[in-house]
Protein backbone atom coordinates (compact mmCIF):
# COMPACT_ATOMS: atom_id res chain seq x y z
CA MET A 1 38.36 4.42 -42.16
CA PRO A 2 34.65 4.99 -41.71
CA GLU A 3 32.65 2.16 -40.18
CA LYS A 4 30.43 0.26 -42.52
CA PRO A 5 26.81 0.83 -41.56
CA GLU A 6 24.86 -2.28 -40.69
CA PRO A 7 22.15 -3.19 -43.16
CA ASN A 8 18.62 -2.34 -42.22
CA ARG A 9 17.01 -5.21 -40.36
CA PRO A 10 13.31 -5.92 -40.33
CA ALA A 11 11.60 -4.91 -37.15
CA GLN A 12 11.03 -7.78 -34.76
CA PRO A 13 7.37 -8.57 -34.32
CA ALA A 14 6.01 -7.50 -31.00
CA GLN A 15 5.54 -10.31 -28.56
CA PRO A 16 1.87 -10.98 -28.00
CA ALA A 17 0.66 -9.93 -24.61
CA GLN A 18 0.18 -12.81 -22.25
CA PRO A 19 -3.47 -13.32 -21.50
CA ALA A 20 -4.43 -12.47 -17.97
CA GLN A 21 -4.67 -15.53 -15.82
CA PRO A 22 -8.22 -16.13 -14.71
CA THR A 23 -8.59 -15.42 -11.05
CA GLN A 24 -10.75 -17.33 -8.66
CA PRO A 25 -13.58 -15.26 -7.19
CA VAL A 26 -12.70 -13.98 -3.75
CA GLU A 27 -14.74 -15.98 -1.27
CA PRO A 28 -16.26 -13.84 1.47
CA LYS A 29 -16.03 -14.98 5.07
CA VAL A 30 -19.53 -16.32 5.64
CA ARG A 31 -21.24 -17.60 8.80
CA ILE A 32 -23.46 -20.59 8.05
CA LEU A 33 -26.47 -20.52 10.33
CA ASP A 34 -27.50 -23.49 12.41
CA ALA A 35 -30.59 -23.68 14.60
CA ARG A 36 -28.91 -22.14 17.67
CA SER A 37 -27.18 -19.26 15.88
CA LEU A 38 -30.35 -18.54 13.87
CA ARG A 39 -32.34 -18.13 17.08
CA GLY A 40 -29.63 -15.80 18.40
CA LEU A 41 -29.71 -13.60 15.29
CA ALA A 42 -33.40 -13.56 14.32
CA HIS A 43 -34.34 -10.27 15.98
CA PRO A 44 -35.05 -7.13 13.91
CA LEU A 45 -32.72 -4.84 15.87
CA ARG A 46 -29.88 -7.37 16.00
CA MET A 47 -30.10 -7.91 12.27
CA ARG A 48 -30.09 -4.18 11.54
CA MET A 49 -27.13 -3.66 13.88
CA LEU A 50 -25.17 -6.47 12.24
CA ALA A 51 -25.98 -5.08 8.78
CA ALA A 52 -24.77 -1.63 9.88
CA LEU A 53 -21.47 -3.05 11.14
CA ARG A 54 -20.95 -5.01 7.93
CA ASN A 55 -21.84 -2.14 5.61
CA ASP A 56 -20.36 0.83 7.48
CA GLY A 57 -17.58 -0.67 9.59
CA PRO A 58 -16.87 -0.78 13.33
CA ALA A 59 -18.95 1.32 15.73
CA THR A 60 -19.81 1.73 19.39
CA ALA A 61 -23.17 0.93 20.96
CA SER A 62 -23.89 4.68 21.23
CA GLN A 63 -23.10 5.26 17.55
CA LEU A 64 -25.36 2.39 16.52
CA ALA A 65 -28.11 3.70 18.80
CA GLU A 66 -27.97 7.14 17.18
CA ARG A 67 -27.87 5.69 13.68
CA LEU A 68 -30.80 3.33 14.24
CA GLY A 69 -32.92 5.51 16.48
CA GLU A 70 -32.60 3.24 19.52
CA SER A 71 -31.35 3.65 23.08
CA SER A 72 -27.73 2.84 23.83
CA GLY A 73 -28.94 0.44 26.52
CA ALA A 74 -30.81 -1.59 23.90
CA THR A 75 -27.90 -1.64 21.44
CA SER A 76 -25.45 -2.60 24.21
CA TYR A 77 -27.64 -5.52 25.24
CA HIS A 78 -28.12 -6.81 21.71
CA LEU A 79 -24.43 -6.40 20.87
CA ARG A 80 -23.62 -8.67 23.79
CA GLN A 81 -26.13 -11.20 22.50
CA LEU A 82 -24.63 -11.03 19.01
CA ALA A 83 -21.17 -11.51 20.52
CA ALA A 84 -22.35 -14.53 22.52
CA HIS A 85 -23.38 -16.18 19.25
CA GLY A 86 -20.19 -15.20 17.43
CA PHE A 87 -21.61 -12.59 15.04
CA VAL A 88 -19.65 -9.58 16.36
CA GLU A 89 -16.34 -9.12 18.14
CA ASP A 90 -14.31 -6.41 19.81
CA ALA A 91 -12.47 -3.93 17.59
CA PRO A 92 -9.86 -2.70 20.12
CA GLU A 93 -7.82 -0.83 17.52
CA HIS A 94 -10.65 1.72 17.32
CA GLY A 95 -11.23 2.15 21.04
CA LYS A 96 -10.22 5.15 23.12
CA GLY A 97 -10.29 4.96 26.88
CA ARG A 98 -13.33 3.04 28.07
CA GLU A 99 -15.07 3.23 24.68
CA ARG A 100 -15.90 -0.26 23.39
CA TRP A 101 -15.95 -0.67 19.64
CA TRP A 102 -17.49 -3.61 17.82
CA ARG A 103 -17.05 -5.07 14.36
CA ALA A 104 -18.78 -7.80 12.37
CA ALA A 105 -17.02 -11.15 12.63
CA HIS A 106 -18.01 -12.21 9.09
CA ASP A 107 -18.73 -10.68 5.69
CA GLY A 108 -22.11 -12.33 5.38
CA THR A 109 -24.54 -14.97 6.59
CA ARG A 110 -25.75 -18.06 4.78
CA PHE A 111 -29.22 -19.37 5.50
CA ASP A 112 -29.89 -23.08 5.05
CA GLU A 113 -33.46 -23.59 3.85
CA SER A 114 -33.66 -26.85 5.85
CA LEU A 115 -34.09 -24.62 8.92
CA MET A 116 -37.58 -23.78 7.66
CA TYR A 117 -38.59 -27.42 8.18
CA GLU A 118 -37.06 -27.99 11.62
CA GLY A 119 -39.13 -29.97 14.09
CA ASP A 120 -38.62 -27.26 16.71
CA PRO A 121 -41.34 -24.59 16.26
CA GLU A 122 -39.06 -21.95 17.82
CA THR A 123 -36.49 -22.55 15.10
CA ARG A 124 -39.13 -22.39 12.37
CA GLY A 125 -40.39 -19.13 13.83
CA ALA A 126 -36.85 -17.74 13.90
CA ALA A 127 -36.39 -18.73 10.24
CA ASP A 128 -39.56 -16.89 9.30
CA THR A 129 -38.50 -13.79 11.26
CA PHE A 130 -35.03 -13.86 9.70
CA LEU A 131 -36.25 -14.07 6.09
CA HIS A 132 -38.94 -11.42 6.51
CA GLU A 133 -36.49 -9.04 8.18
CA ILE A 134 -34.04 -9.51 5.27
CA ALA A 135 -36.84 -8.56 2.88
CA THR A 136 -37.69 -5.53 5.05
CA ILE A 137 -34.07 -4.35 5.10
CA HIS A 138 -33.82 -4.68 1.32
CA THR A 139 -37.06 -2.72 0.86
CA GLN A 140 -35.82 0.05 3.17
CA GLU A 141 -32.47 0.28 1.39
CA LEU A 142 -34.12 0.46 -2.02
CA SER A 143 -36.56 3.12 -0.83
CA THR A 144 -33.69 5.15 0.62
CA TRP A 145 -31.84 4.98 -2.71
CA LEU A 146 -34.88 6.01 -4.75
CA GLY A 147 -35.56 8.93 -2.42
CA ASP A 148 -31.96 10.12 -2.57
CA ALA A 149 -31.05 9.24 -6.18
CA THR A 150 -31.24 12.82 -7.45
CA ASN A 151 -28.44 13.78 -5.05
CA TRP A 152 -26.04 11.38 -6.80
CA SER A 153 -24.21 12.02 -10.05
CA LYS A 154 -25.59 10.93 -13.42
CA GLU A 155 -22.79 8.35 -13.57
CA TRP A 156 -23.95 6.70 -10.35
CA ARG A 157 -27.62 6.86 -11.34
CA ARG A 158 -26.72 5.18 -14.62
CA SER A 159 -24.88 2.47 -12.63
CA SER A 160 -27.97 1.59 -10.59
CA GLU A 161 -30.76 -0.77 -11.58
CA VAL A 162 -34.20 -1.88 -10.49
CA SER A 163 -35.16 -4.78 -12.73
CA ASP A 164 -36.92 -8.12 -12.67
CA TYR A 165 -36.96 -11.07 -15.04
CA THR A 166 -39.24 -14.04 -15.56
CA LEU A 167 -37.62 -17.29 -16.74
CA ARG A 168 -38.73 -20.89 -17.19
CA LEU A 169 -36.26 -23.06 -15.24
CA THR A 170 -35.94 -26.33 -13.40
CA PRO A 171 -34.80 -26.29 -9.74
CA GLU A 172 -31.33 -27.37 -10.89
CA GLN A 173 -31.13 -24.55 -13.44
CA GLY A 174 -32.31 -22.03 -10.85
CA LEU A 175 -29.57 -23.14 -8.46
CA GLU A 176 -26.97 -22.96 -11.24
CA LEU A 177 -28.08 -19.42 -12.11
CA ILE A 178 -27.79 -18.31 -8.47
CA ARG A 179 -24.32 -19.83 -8.08
CA ARG A 180 -23.08 -18.18 -11.29
CA MET A 181 -24.47 -14.83 -10.11
CA HIS A 182 -22.66 -15.25 -6.79
CA ASP A 183 -19.38 -16.09 -8.54
CA LEU A 184 -19.66 -12.98 -10.72
CA ILE A 185 -20.43 -10.72 -7.75
CA ASN A 186 -17.59 -12.20 -5.68
CA SER A 187 -15.15 -11.54 -8.54
CA TYR A 188 -15.62 -7.81 -7.80
CA ARG A 189 -14.57 -8.14 -4.15
CA ASP A 190 -11.29 -6.71 -2.89
CA LEU A 191 -10.63 -4.58 -5.99
CA PRO A 192 -7.74 -2.15 -5.54
CA PRO A 193 -9.02 1.20 -4.24
CA VAL A 194 -9.43 3.90 -6.88
CA GLU A 195 -10.83 7.41 -6.81
CA GLY A 196 -14.61 7.51 -6.97
CA MET A 197 -15.29 4.20 -5.24
CA GLU A 198 -18.38 3.99 -3.04
CA THR A 199 -20.07 1.20 -1.14
CA PHE A 200 -22.21 -0.62 -3.72
CA ARG A 201 -25.18 -2.74 -2.62
CA VAL A 202 -26.48 -5.63 -4.72
CA HIS A 203 -29.76 -7.33 -3.78
CA SER A 204 -30.67 -10.74 -5.16
CA HIS A 205 -34.17 -12.22 -5.03
CA ALA A 206 -34.77 -15.46 -6.92
CA PHE A 207 -37.82 -17.65 -6.36
CA PRO A 208 -40.41 -19.73 -8.22
CA ARG A 209 -43.89 -18.41 -8.92
CA ARG A 210 -47.00 -20.38 -9.76
CA SER A 211 -48.50 -19.18 -13.01
CA GLY A 212 -52.16 -18.26 -13.00
CA LYS A 213 -54.24 -20.59 -15.13
């Protein structure tokens, strides 16, 4: 006896996709500067060496010297000074024989503006040197990009930007804007590697300006 076919049943509605759980921005490992560590870092070559290690990964004193146009004696000395203040550390997994490799100990550095008003004139001078060298590094990086932009694909050129904005804000609103920008940028850290990824630099300059009257 043939089996009785089951009646047609209405299709079950698809289960709605679960919304992605919001993720907390990945917090970078940041060194907060105090007066002593600021004085140890505020030197143009040390800052450029530390930036190179953070941006390009571990290197030897000789490699840094070649990259920055300095002598290996100078880079060796300043690496030891950076190590003494906790900014760099050994990277033994990269070393071969007597070669000494170094890596940055942190992802970034946080400057406390109170250092600009320290009673110690040496600390105030170091704060001034530090901030002006940061501005110099940013200017050099931007100039390098503009000079080399035509050697990148249209997709990468479209993904770059040189913009500025003028807003009317209170100090509290300015601080809120900066913090929200930082949270957004940090949410792009530690993304899974995919084809086509490159190191991507983001500069942030935010400051008040007195209007001409």
